[in-house]
Amino acid sequence: MKKFRNIIVALALVVALASFTACNGVKEDVLLDTTTKVYSGDVLYVGNTASVSGGHETIGKPFNVGINAAFAAWNATRGDKYTVALKTYDDAGNASNSVTLTEKLIYEDDVFAIVGNYGSTQVAQNLDVIKEAQVPMVYAAAGNSVLLNEDADTWSERCIFPVQPLSNTEGRMLYARAVAPEAIDPATFAMTGGLGGTKVGVISDSSEASIQMTEGVKAQAGKKAEVSYQSSATAGDFSAAATAIKNAGCDVVIVTVVGAQFTAALKALVNAGVTGKVITTYNNSSATVFNGANTLMLDEYVAVFGALTIYAQGWLDISSLTYVYDADADGVVESGSYLAYTYKALYESMSTPEKPVVYTGVAGFNEEYWAVAEDLFDYCMANGMVNDALVMSSNSFALAGYIAGNMFCQGLDKLEAAGKTLTRQNYIEVMENNEFKVSMGGMIDYKDGIRAGVQQFSLSSIFDAYTINGGIYHSAAAATVQPLTSLSAFLNK
């Protein structure tokens, strides 16, 4: 395994990209009147639009870095016939721009596919353009329900391949997990059941993702007894919802709002006197939701974590209690060391004399994560992003972009293994007829017309690290307490 360098050395890599030619293939037997194009040449271009300006660069930039890092890794080992390259335009967070630029990518730049269709509002508006052109779309950085399709039967529908969880699907999982009976593995202390809720409250707002997630909660709850409350009309004011949840006696609260709204909802629950368990979306799974700007102050950390046991779902599982990163000879962990030691302290605090934690070296992240982190690091180093290399190797948006690029490349591998010509139609067909490993996640397939994104979710505990950092300062940390688990597993409990 390659090792992160102790001394960062600037590398310059000049890549000569030869243009590729494209010729029209024969008329295919398709459901719509289209011509399938055969691609040949040295470079296969794919495209996307992403927000890398206008205040969105902290998301769009690392997302595209991740895609490019995945392509670079694939090109280095399997790009003997052609290499894959990303053509991207900045939509500045504007959905209308995204539509115009997506049309440009398809009809002027002649990209083979859209990889990493970015942003909820952008996806909602440019999806029809992609469908009309019947261009493969692999991965949408959004959870819009418009991506959900349980019976894709035309080429326009079959060309869409979402990966990231869809909000409605996650809402179903949130409720199923909230009410499933509690169970703990006595040997490992891992959760094998749910949260054991008997009455569930829901805090949501008017954002699209929150609305769709709440719809999923309600659909899964069906006619079972549960309590659902919307937030008040005033943005960030969840006091009325929290008071209603307190009066109803809810023992589990599902929170579908995101970011600063999430921490505002937690404070409202505490102020209303609510105690018990909270479970929230993967969008709030990062400890930075608490540790960043517009979040909890010192006294609020004590109040929130003192009253509430907070869980967040995830669709990736990168944690490990035993894997030791292959660090340099001095034994220093060069990335993620704080979280690594946080995991160590947390799980050692959970051990008992009868069942001590199996722990050697510096753990925290699994081998699959470190392999991706190294690809991100190496891409940055090779492309003049020396100062960003270490940061990008653990950035959640860069990891998401890497998954998008890697999924597209897996499709190329399946195409070659099937001995088929590189055409859009053939690519769509191999995507439909195979199962794929989501990098750092579970499995996904698109058989039988299903377009639903991943349907396995892990669970993390979010806690105040004050008790494990020597009582020096308050900060949120997260630890995985349940591995990736499917919705059906909870429905059988």
Protein backbone atom coordinates (compact mmCIF):
# COMPACT_ATOMS: atom_id res chain seq x y z
CA MET A 1 0.00 0.00 0.00
CA LYS A 2 1.25 3.47 -0.79
CA LYS A 3 1.95 5.63 2.22
CA PHE A 4 1.10 9.28 2.84
CA ARG A 5 4.27 11.33 2.72
CA ASN A 6 5.60 13.10 5.81
CA ILE A 7 7.08 15.80 3.64
CA ILE A 8 4.79 17.09 0.92
CA VAL A 9 6.62 17.47 -2.35
CA ALA A 10 4.99 19.41 -5.17
CA LEU A 11 4.57 17.30 -8.26
CA ALA A 12 3.71 18.52 -11.72
CA LEU A 13 1.88 16.22 -14.07
CA VAL A 14 1.28 17.22 -17.67
CA VAL A 15 -1.36 15.11 -19.36
CA ALA A 16 -1.70 15.23 -23.11
CA LEU A 17 -5.33 14.59 -23.95
CA ALA A 18 -5.88 13.43 -27.49
CA SER A 19 -9.29 14.19 -28.95
CA PHE A 20 -11.56 11.27 -29.66
CA THR A 21 -13.70 10.68 -32.66
CA ALA A 22 -17.30 9.47 -32.66
CA CYS A 23 -19.14 7.85 -35.48
CA ASN A 24 -22.80 7.09 -35.79
CA GLY A 25 -23.71 3.44 -35.33
CA VAL A 26 -26.53 1.57 -36.98
CA LYS A 27 -30.12 2.19 -36.00
CA GLU A 28 -30.75 0.20 -32.84
CA ASP A 29 -33.93 -1.57 -31.83
CA VAL A 30 -34.80 0.94 -29.12
CA LEU A 31 -38.08 1.99 -27.60
CA LEU A 32 -37.63 5.55 -28.77
CA ASP A 33 -36.44 6.74 -32.17
CA THR A 34 -32.77 7.34 -31.44
CA THR A 35 -29.40 6.43 -32.85
CA THR A 36 -26.90 4.72 -30.58
CA LYS A 37 -23.46 6.24 -30.97
CA VAL A 38 -20.28 4.21 -30.91
CA TYR A 39 -17.37 5.93 -29.13
CA SER A 40 -13.74 5.37 -30.00
CA GLY A 41 -10.49 7.20 -29.50
CA ASP A 42 -8.03 7.96 -26.74
CA VAL A 43 -10.29 9.82 -24.28
CA LEU A 44 -13.85 9.10 -23.21
CA TYR A 45 -15.41 12.31 -21.95
CA VAL A 46 -18.20 12.42 -19.41
CA GLY A 47 -19.66 15.57 -17.94
CA ASN A 48 -21.52 17.35 -15.18
CA THR A 49 -22.36 20.78 -13.89
CA ALA A 50 -21.39 21.64 -10.31
CA SER A 51 -21.48 24.66 -8.04
CA VAL A 52 -17.88 25.79 -7.58
CA SER A 53 -18.57 29.50 -7.09
CA GLY A 54 -21.16 31.76 -5.55
CA GLY A 55 -20.63 30.38 -2.05
CA HIS A 56 -20.97 26.73 -3.10
CA GLU A 57 -17.33 25.99 -3.80
CA THR A 58 -16.87 24.14 -0.50
CA ILE A 59 -19.18 21.44 -1.86
CA GLY A 60 -18.80 21.49 -5.64
CA LYS A 61 -15.01 21.70 -5.72
CA PRO A 62 -14.26 18.64 -3.54
CA PHE A 63 -17.06 16.70 -5.25
CA ASN A 64 -15.38 17.10 -8.64
CA VAL A 65 -11.97 16.39 -7.10
CA GLY A 66 -13.37 13.05 -5.96
CA ILE A 67 -14.68 12.19 -9.44
CA ASN A 68 -11.36 13.08 -11.04
CA ALA A 69 -9.44 11.08 -8.43
CA ALA A 70 -11.53 7.99 -9.20
CA PHE A 71 -10.91 8.46 -12.92
CA ALA A 72 -7.17 8.92 -12.35
CA ALA A 73 -7.02 5.70 -10.35
CA TRP A 74 -8.91 3.80 -13.07
CA ASN A 75 -6.83 5.31 -15.87
CA ALA A 76 -3.60 4.31 -14.11
CA THR A 77 -4.51 0.63 -13.96
CA ARG A 78 -7.09 -0.04 -16.68
CA GLY A 79 -6.88 2.81 -19.15
CA ASP A 80 -4.85 0.89 -21.71
CA LYS A 81 -7.46 1.32 -24.48
CA TYR A 82 -8.71 4.80 -23.54
CA THR A 83 -8.77 7.09 -20.55
CA VAL A 84 -11.79 8.70 -18.90
CA ALA A 85 -11.95 12.47 -18.36
CA LEU A 86 -14.50 14.82 -16.77
CA LYS A 87 -15.83 17.86 -18.62
CA THR A 88 -17.47 20.13 -16.06
CA TYR A 89 -19.09 23.55 -15.97
CA ASP A 90 -19.79 25.82 -13.01
CA ASP A 91 -23.54 26.42 -12.63
CA ALA A 92 -22.97 28.73 -9.61
CA GLY A 93 -25.83 27.03 -7.78
CA ASN A 94 -28.36 28.13 -10.39
CA ALA A 95 -30.71 25.44 -11.71
CA SER A 96 -31.41 27.29 -14.97
CA ASN A 97 -27.68 27.48 -15.62
CA SER A 98 -27.44 23.75 -14.98
CA VAL A 99 -30.08 23.01 -17.61
CA THR A 100 -28.36 25.16 -20.23
CA LEU A 101 -24.93 23.73 -19.44
CA THR A 102 -26.20 20.15 -19.38
CA GLU A 103 -27.60 20.67 -22.87
CA LYS A 104 -24.21 22.02 -23.93
CA LEU A 105 -22.46 18.96 -22.51
CA ILE A 106 -24.77 16.60 -24.36
CA TYR A 107 -25.32 18.32 -27.70
CA GLU A 108 -22.11 20.35 -28.19
CA ASP A 109 -19.46 18.54 -26.15
CA ASP A 110 -20.92 15.13 -27.03
CA VAL A 111 -20.14 13.58 -23.64
CA PHE A 112 -20.78 9.86 -23.29
CA ALA A 113 -22.55 10.17 -19.92
CA ILE A 114 -23.42 12.52 -17.09
CA VAL A 115 -21.49 11.50 -13.96
CA GLY A 116 -22.30 13.17 -10.65
CA ASN A 117 -25.48 15.08 -11.52
CA TYR A 118 -25.13 17.67 -8.80
CA GLY A 119 -27.60 19.46 -6.52
CA SER A 120 -31.28 18.93 -5.63
CA THR A 121 -32.72 21.87 -7.55
CA GLN A 122 -30.39 21.30 -10.49
CA VAL A 123 -31.31 17.61 -10.73
CA ALA A 124 -35.00 18.41 -10.56
CA GLN A 125 -34.72 20.64 -13.62
CA ASN A 126 -32.04 19.03 -15.80
CA LEU A 127 -33.24 15.44 -15.45
CA ASP A 128 -35.71 15.81 -18.33
CA VAL A 129 -32.89 17.00 -20.60
CA ILE A 130 -30.85 13.89 -19.76
CA LYS A 131 -33.82 11.57 -20.24
CA GLU A 132 -34.78 13.10 -23.57
CA ALA A 133 -31.25 12.63 -24.87
CA GLN A 134 -31.13 9.09 -23.40
CA VAL A 135 -27.65 9.74 -22.02
CA PRO A 136 -26.56 7.49 -19.14
CA MET A 137 -26.61 9.34 -15.82
CA VAL A 138 -24.55 7.69 -13.07
CA TYR A 139 -24.96 9.08 -9.54
CA ALA A 140 -26.97 12.12 -8.53
CA ALA A 141 -25.70 14.22 -5.63
CA ALA A 142 -29.29 14.61 -4.46
CA GLY A 143 -32.06 12.56 -2.89
CA ASN A 144 -34.99 13.87 -4.93
CA SER A 145 -37.98 11.56 -5.17
CA VAL A 146 -38.08 12.43 -8.89
CA LEU A 147 -35.19 9.95 -9.22
CA LEU A 148 -37.26 7.12 -7.75
CA ASN A 149 -38.54 4.68 -10.34
CA GLU A 150 -39.59 1.12 -9.57
CA ASP A 151 -40.34 0.15 -13.17
CA ALA A 152 -38.04 1.85 -15.66
CA ASP A 153 -39.13 0.40 -19.02
CA THR A 154 -38.12 2.96 -21.67
CA TRP A 155 -34.62 4.01 -22.66
CA SER A 156 -35.34 7.48 -21.28
CA GLU A 157 -36.02 6.00 -17.86
CA ARG A 158 -33.52 3.16 -18.03
CA CYS A 159 -30.58 5.52 -18.56
CA ILE A 160 -30.90 6.93 -15.00
CA PHE A 161 -28.79 5.28 -12.28
CA PRO A 162 -29.07 6.98 -8.87
CA VAL A 163 -26.71 5.78 -6.13
CA GLN A 164 -27.00 8.19 -3.22
CA PRO A 165 -29.97 7.44 -0.91
CA LEU A 166 -33.30 8.92 -1.93
CA SER A 167 -35.05 10.95 0.75
CA ASN A 168 -38.26 8.93 0.68
CA THR A 169 -36.31 5.67 1.06
CA GLU A 170 -34.32 7.03 3.99
CA GLY A 171 -37.52 8.24 5.66
CA ARG A 172 -38.88 4.71 5.56
CA MET A 173 -35.68 3.42 7.14
CA LEU A 174 -35.73 6.10 9.85
CA TYR A 175 -39.16 4.99 11.02
CA ALA A 176 -38.46 1.25 10.73
CA ARG A 177 -35.29 1.68 12.79
CA ALA A 178 -37.00 3.94 15.33
CA VAL A 179 -39.69 1.40 16.25
CA ALA A 180 -37.78 -1.89 15.86
CA PRO A 181 -37.17 -3.63 19.21
CA GLU A 182 -33.90 -2.89 20.96
CA ALA A 183 -31.20 -5.58 20.87
CA ILE A 184 -27.50 -5.57 21.75
CA ASP A 185 -24.96 -8.23 20.92
CA PRO A 186 -23.52 -9.15 24.36
CA ALA A 187 -20.23 -10.24 22.82
CA THR A 188 -19.45 -7.11 20.83
CA PHE A 189 -21.83 -4.50 22.34
CA ALA A 190 -22.98 -3.70 18.81
CA MET A 191 -26.62 -2.80 18.23
CA THR A 192 -28.47 -5.53 16.38
CA GLY A 193 -31.96 -4.09 16.79
CA GLY A 194 -33.65 -0.72 16.62
CA LEU A 195 -34.38 2.08 19.07
CA GLY A 196 -37.48 0.48 20.58
CA GLY A 197 -39.73 3.50 20.14
CA THR A 198 -43.39 3.20 21.16
CA LYS A 199 -44.49 6.67 20.11
CA VAL A 200 -42.57 8.62 17.49
CA GLY A 201 -42.47 12.35 16.90
CA VAL A 202 -41.25 13.97 13.68
CA ILE A 203 -39.72 17.42 13.23
CA SER A 204 -39.55 18.65 9.63
CA ASP A 205 -39.55 21.88 7.67
CA SER A 206 -40.52 23.11 4.22
CA SER A 207 -37.32 22.04 2.45
CA GLU A 208 -37.77 19.49 -0.33
CA ALA A 209 -35.57 16.84 1.25
CA SER A 210 -37.30 17.17 4.63
CA ILE A 211 -40.76 16.95 3.07
CA GLN A 212 -39.87 13.84 1.06
CA MET A 213 -38.18 12.18 4.03
CA THR A 214 -41.26 12.83 6.17
CA GLU A 215 -43.45 11.35 3.44
CA GLY A 216 -41.31 8.21 3.65
CA VAL A 217 -41.73 8.14 7.44
CA LYS A 218 -45.51 8.38 7.11
CA ALA A 219 -45.64 5.76 4.36
CA GLN A 220 -43.67 3.29 6.49
CA ALA A 221 -45.72 4.05 9.61
CA GLY A 222 -48.97 3.39 7.77
CA LYS A 223 -51.83 3.08 10.21
CA LYS A 224 -49.62 2.40 13.21
CA ALA A 225 -49.92 4.81 16.12
CA GLU A 226 -47.41 7.60 15.73
CA VAL A 227 -47.22 11.35 16.15
CA SER A 228 -45.99 13.65 13.39
CA TYR A 229 -45.50 17.38 13.77
CA GLN A 230 -44.37 19.96 11.26
CA SER A 231 -42.22 22.89 12.33
CA SER A 232 -43.77 26.33 12.58
CA ALA A 233 -43.75 28.65 9.58
CA THR A 234 -40.88 30.71 11.00
CA ALA A 235 -37.59 29.30 9.76
CA GLY A 236 -35.62 27.71 12.58
CA ASP A 237 -38.40 28.04 15.15
CA PHE A 238 -39.21 24.51 16.27
CA SER A 239 -40.59 25.41 19.70
CA ALA A 240 -44.23 24.59 18.89
CA ALA A 241 -43.30 21.20 17.40
CA ALA A 242 -41.04 20.39 20.35
CA THR A 243 -43.75 21.29 22.87
CA ALA A 244 -46.29 19.12 21.06
CA ILE A 245 -43.83 16.20 21.02
CA LYS A 246 -43.26 16.63 24.76
CA ASN A 247 -46.99 16.70 25.48
CA ALA A 248 -47.54 13.59 23.35
CA GLY A 249 -44.99 11.61 25.34
CA CYS A 250 -42.83 10.60 22.37
CA ASP A 251 -39.84 8.47 23.32
CA VAL A 252 -38.13 8.68 19.90
CA VAL A 253 -37.96 11.79 17.71
CA ILE A 254 -37.13 11.65 14.00
CA VAL A 255 -35.53 14.91 12.82
CA THR A 256 -35.52 15.40 9.04
CA VAL A 257 -34.12 18.95 8.95
CA VAL A 258 -30.46 19.48 8.12
CA GLY A 259 -27.41 21.41 9.31
CA ALA A 260 -28.01 24.49 11.45
CA GLN A 261 -31.73 23.69 11.39
CA PHE A 262 -30.93 20.33 12.98
CA THR A 263 -29.08 21.84 15.92
CA ALA A 264 -31.87 24.42 16.29
CA ALA A 265 -34.37 21.55 16.51
CA LEU A 266 -32.27 19.82 19.18
CA LYS A 267 -32.16 22.98 21.28
CA ALA A 268 -35.93 23.37 20.94
CA LEU A 269 -36.48 19.80 22.12
CA VAL A 270 -34.29 20.34 25.18
CA ASN A 271 -35.97 23.66 25.99
CA ALA A 272 -39.35 21.90 25.85
CA GLY A 273 -38.14 19.30 28.33
CA VAL A 274 -37.95 16.39 25.86
CA THR A 275 -35.63 13.55 26.84
CA GLY A 276 -34.93 10.30 25.05
CA LYS A 277 -33.65 9.28 21.65
CA VAL A 278 -33.25 11.29 18.46
CA ILE A 279 -32.53 9.77 15.06
CA THR A 280 -31.71 11.82 11.98
CA THR A 281 -30.67 11.65 8.35
CA TYR A 282 -27.20 10.86 7.03
CA ASN A 283 -26.92 14.55 6.09
CA ASN A 284 -26.38 15.25 9.80
CA SER A 285 -24.05 12.31 10.45
CA SER A 286 -20.85 14.38 10.42
CA ALA A 287 -19.70 15.81 13.73
CA THR A 288 -18.97 19.05 11.87
CA VAL A 289 -22.73 19.73 11.96
CA PHE A 290 -22.16 20.50 15.63
CA ASN A 291 -18.61 21.77 15.54
CA GLY A 292 -18.98 24.28 12.72
CA ALA A 293 -20.43 27.78 12.66
CA ASN A 294 -24.03 28.50 13.75
CA THR A 295 -24.18 25.42 15.95
CA LEU A 296 -24.03 24.66 19.66
CA MET A 297 -22.38 26.87 22.24
CA LEU A 298 -20.60 25.43 25.29
CA ASP A 299 -23.60 25.39 27.65
CA GLU A 300 -25.78 23.99 24.86
CA TYR A 301 -23.44 21.02 24.41
CA VAL A 302 -23.99 20.11 28.04
CA ALA A 303 -27.77 20.54 27.80
CA VAL A 304 -28.30 18.76 24.48
CA PHE A 305 -26.06 15.77 25.06
CA GLY A 306 -27.22 15.53 28.66
CA ALA A 307 -30.89 15.17 27.68
CA LEU A 308 -30.80 13.42 24.31
CA THR A 309 -29.20 10.26 22.92
CA ILE A 310 -28.51 11.20 19.31
CA TYR A 311 -28.17 8.83 16.38
CA ALA A 312 -27.62 9.50 12.69
CA GLN A 313 -27.94 7.14 9.78
CA GLY A 314 -25.22 6.70 7.19
CA TRP A 315 -25.01 4.99 3.82
CA LEU A 316 -21.29 4.38 4.03
CA ASP A 317 -19.40 2.45 6.67
CA ILE A 318 -15.75 3.41 6.90
CA SER A 319 -15.11 2.60 10.55
CA SER A 320 -12.92 -0.14 11.96
CA LEU A 321 -11.90 -1.09 15.48
CA THR A 322 -9.02 -3.31 14.48
CA TYR A 323 -7.60 -2.21 11.13
CA VAL A 324 -4.26 -0.45 11.50
CA TYR A 325 -3.28 1.98 8.79
CA ASP A 326 0.09 1.21 7.20
CA ALA A 327 1.75 4.37 8.43
CA ASP A 328 5.40 5.31 8.05
CA ALA A 329 8.06 3.76 10.22
CA ASP A 330 7.69 6.36 12.96
CA GLY A 331 4.18 5.06 13.60
CA VAL A 332 2.54 8.46 13.31
CA VAL A 333 -0.92 8.46 11.76
CA GLU A 334 -0.75 11.16 9.13
CA SER A 335 -4.48 11.64 8.51
CA GLY A 336 -7.57 11.30 10.66
CA SER A 337 -5.56 10.79 13.85
CA TYR A 338 -7.97 12.68 16.09
CA LEU A 339 -10.92 10.55 15.04
CA ALA A 340 -8.80 7.42 15.25
CA TYR A 341 -7.93 8.08 18.87
CA THR A 342 -11.51 9.16 19.58
CA TYR A 343 -12.75 5.77 18.38
CA LYS A 344 -10.13 4.06 20.53
CA ALA A 345 -11.14 5.92 23.69
CA LEU A 346 -14.85 5.48 23.08
CA TYR A 347 -14.72 1.74 22.60
CA GLU A 348 -12.23 1.16 25.38
CA SER A 349 -14.67 2.94 27.69
CA MET A 350 -17.32 0.40 26.63
CA SER A 351 -15.15 -2.63 27.38
CA THR A 352 -15.42 -4.81 30.46
CA PRO A 353 -12.97 -7.13 32.22
CA GLU A 354 -14.99 -10.05 30.89
CA LYS A 355 -14.97 -8.75 27.30
CA PRO A 356 -12.04 -6.41 26.63
CA VAL A 357 -11.92 -4.56 23.33
CA VAL A 358 -9.70 -6.22 20.72
CA TYR A 359 -7.48 -3.32 19.76
CA THR A 360 -4.02 -3.04 18.26
CA GLY A 361 -2.27 0.02 16.91
CA VAL A 362 -4.21 3.01 15.63
CA ALA A 363 -7.62 2.10 14.29
CA GLY A 364 -10.64 4.19 13.37
CA PHE A 365 -11.03 3.74 9.62
CA ASN A 366 -11.14 0.59 7.55
CA GLU A 367 -8.79 -0.47 4.77
CA GLU A 368 -11.21 0.43 1.99
CA TYR A 369 -11.43 4.02 3.22
CA TRP A 370 -7.65 4.40 3.35
CA ALA A 371 -7.32 3.15 -0.23
CA VAL A 372 -9.77 5.83 -1.39
CA ALA A 373 -8.07 8.47 0.77
CA GLU A 374 -4.74 7.69 -0.88
CA ASP A 375 -6.25 8.02 -4.35
CA LEU A 376 -7.62 11.44 -3.40
CA PHE A 377 -4.30 12.46 -1.86
CA ASP A 378 -2.30 11.32 -4.88
CA TYR A 379 -4.60 13.08 -7.35
CA CYS A 380 -4.25 16.38 -5.49
CA MET A 381 -0.48 16.03 -5.26
CA ALA A 382 -0.21 15.27 -8.97
CA ASN A 383 -2.38 18.21 -10.01
CA GLY A 384 -0.89 21.14 -8.12
CA MET A 385 -3.29 20.93 -5.13
CA VAL A 386 -0.57 20.30 -2.58
CA ASN A 387 -2.19 22.34 0.18
CA ASP A 388 -5.51 20.55 -0.31
CA ALA A 389 -4.21 17.00 -0.50
CA LEU A 390 -4.58 16.00 3.14
CA VAL A 391 -7.91 17.80 3.56
CA MET A 392 -9.47 16.29 0.45
CA SER A 393 -8.46 12.78 1.51
CA SER A 394 -11.06 12.94 4.29
CA ASN A 395 -13.59 15.43 2.88
CA SER A 396 -17.09 13.89 2.78
CA PHE A 397 -17.99 15.62 -0.51
CA ALA A 398 -14.76 14.40 -2.12
CA LEU A 399 -15.59 10.87 -0.95
CA ALA A 400 -19.06 11.21 -2.52
CA GLY A 401 -17.53 12.34 -5.80
CA TYR A 402 -15.12 9.42 -5.71
CA ILE A 403 -18.05 7.03 -5.38
CA ALA A 404 -19.71 8.63 -8.43
CA GLY A 405 -16.59 8.27 -10.58
CA ASN A 406 -15.88 4.77 -9.34
CA MET A 407 -19.44 3.59 -10.09
CA PHE A 408 -19.15 4.83 -13.67
CA CYS A 409 -15.84 3.04 -14.10
CA GLN A 410 -17.28 -0.18 -12.69
CA GLY A 411 -19.80 -0.01 -15.53
CA LEU A 412 -16.95 0.26 -18.02
CA ASP A 413 -15.31 -2.80 -16.48
CA LYS A 414 -18.55 -4.79 -16.76
CA LEU A 415 -18.89 -3.67 -20.39
CA GLU A 416 -15.41 -4.91 -21.24
CA ALA A 417 -15.94 -8.17 -19.36
CA ALA A 418 -19.07 -8.78 -21.44
CA GLY A 419 -17.08 -8.19 -24.63
CA LYS A 420 -19.44 -5.46 -25.81
CA THR A 421 -18.75 -2.37 -27.90
CA LEU A 422 -18.63 0.96 -26.09
CA THR A 423 -22.06 2.41 -26.81
CA ARG A 424 -24.57 4.12 -24.58
CA GLN A 425 -27.10 1.35 -25.12
CA ASN A 426 -24.63 -1.39 -24.22
CA TYR A 427 -23.51 0.57 -21.16
CA ILE A 428 -27.10 0.94 -19.95
CA GLU A 429 -27.70 -2.78 -20.42
CA VAL A 430 -24.64 -3.88 -18.42
CA MET A 431 -25.57 -1.47 -15.64
CA GLU A 432 -28.98 -3.13 -15.49
CA ASN A 433 -27.71 -6.70 -15.55
CA ASN A 434 -25.03 -6.60 -12.86
CA GLU A 435 -24.61 -5.94 -9.15
CA PHE A 436 -22.20 -3.22 -8.06
CA LYS A 437 -20.17 -2.56 -4.92
CA VAL A 438 -20.60 1.00 -3.71
CA SER A 439 -17.14 2.14 -2.67
CA MET A 440 -17.01 2.19 1.17
CA GLY A 441 -20.64 1.06 1.18
CA GLY A 442 -22.93 -1.84 0.39
CA MET A 443 -24.21 -3.40 -2.80
CA ILE A 444 -26.62 -1.94 -5.36
CA ASP A 445 -28.26 -3.18 -8.54
CA TYR A 446 -30.71 -1.81 -11.10
CA LYS A 447 -32.40 -5.04 -12.14
CA ASP A 448 -36.12 -5.29 -12.92
CA GLY A 449 -36.35 -1.57 -13.64
CA ILE A 450 -35.55 -0.54 -10.06
CA ARG A 451 -34.05 2.94 -9.65
CA ALA A 452 -34.11 3.58 -5.89
CA GLY A 453 -30.55 4.33 -4.81
CA VAL A 454 -28.87 2.43 -1.99
CA GLN A 455 -31.19 0.88 0.55
CA GLN A 456 -28.75 -0.06 3.29
CA PHE A 457 -27.99 2.30 6.15
CA SER A 458 -25.56 2.18 9.04
CA LEU A 459 -26.12 3.92 12.37
CA SER A 460 -23.75 6.19 14.26
CA SER A 461 -23.90 7.55 17.77
CA ILE A 462 -23.14 11.27 18.03
CA PHE A 463 -21.79 12.23 21.43
CA ASP A 464 -19.91 14.92 23.33
CA ALA A 465 -16.23 13.98 23.26
CA TYR A 466 -15.64 15.91 26.51
CA THR A 467 -15.58 12.69 28.50
CA ILE A 468 -12.89 11.06 26.37
CA ASN A 469 -10.57 13.98 25.64
CA GLY A 470 -9.63 14.51 29.26
CA GLY A 471 -12.34 17.05 29.98
CA ILE A 472 -10.44 19.76 28.16
CA TYR A 473 -13.10 20.96 25.74
CA HIS A 474 -16.52 20.06 24.36
CA SER A 475 -16.80 18.82 20.80
CA ALA A 476 -19.03 16.37 19.00
CA ALA A 477 -17.69 13.06 17.76
CA ALA A 478 -19.33 10.11 16.03
CA ALA A 479 -18.86 6.36 16.20
CA THR A 480 -20.57 3.61 14.21
CA VAL A 481 -22.74 1.44 16.45
CA GLN A 482 -24.50 -0.61 13.75
CA PRO A 483 -23.14 -1.64 10.35
CA LEU A 484 -24.96 -1.28 7.06
CA THR A 485 -28.39 -2.89 7.46
CA SER A 486 -31.25 -3.18 4.99
CA LEU A 487 -34.81 -1.98 5.48
CA SER A 488 -36.08 -5.53 5.12
CA ALA A 489 -33.98 -6.61 8.11
CA PHE A 490 -35.95 -4.28 10.38
CA LEU A 491 -39.29 -5.20 8.87
CA ASN A 492 -38.66 -8.80 9.91
CA LYS A 493 -38.04 -7.89 13.56
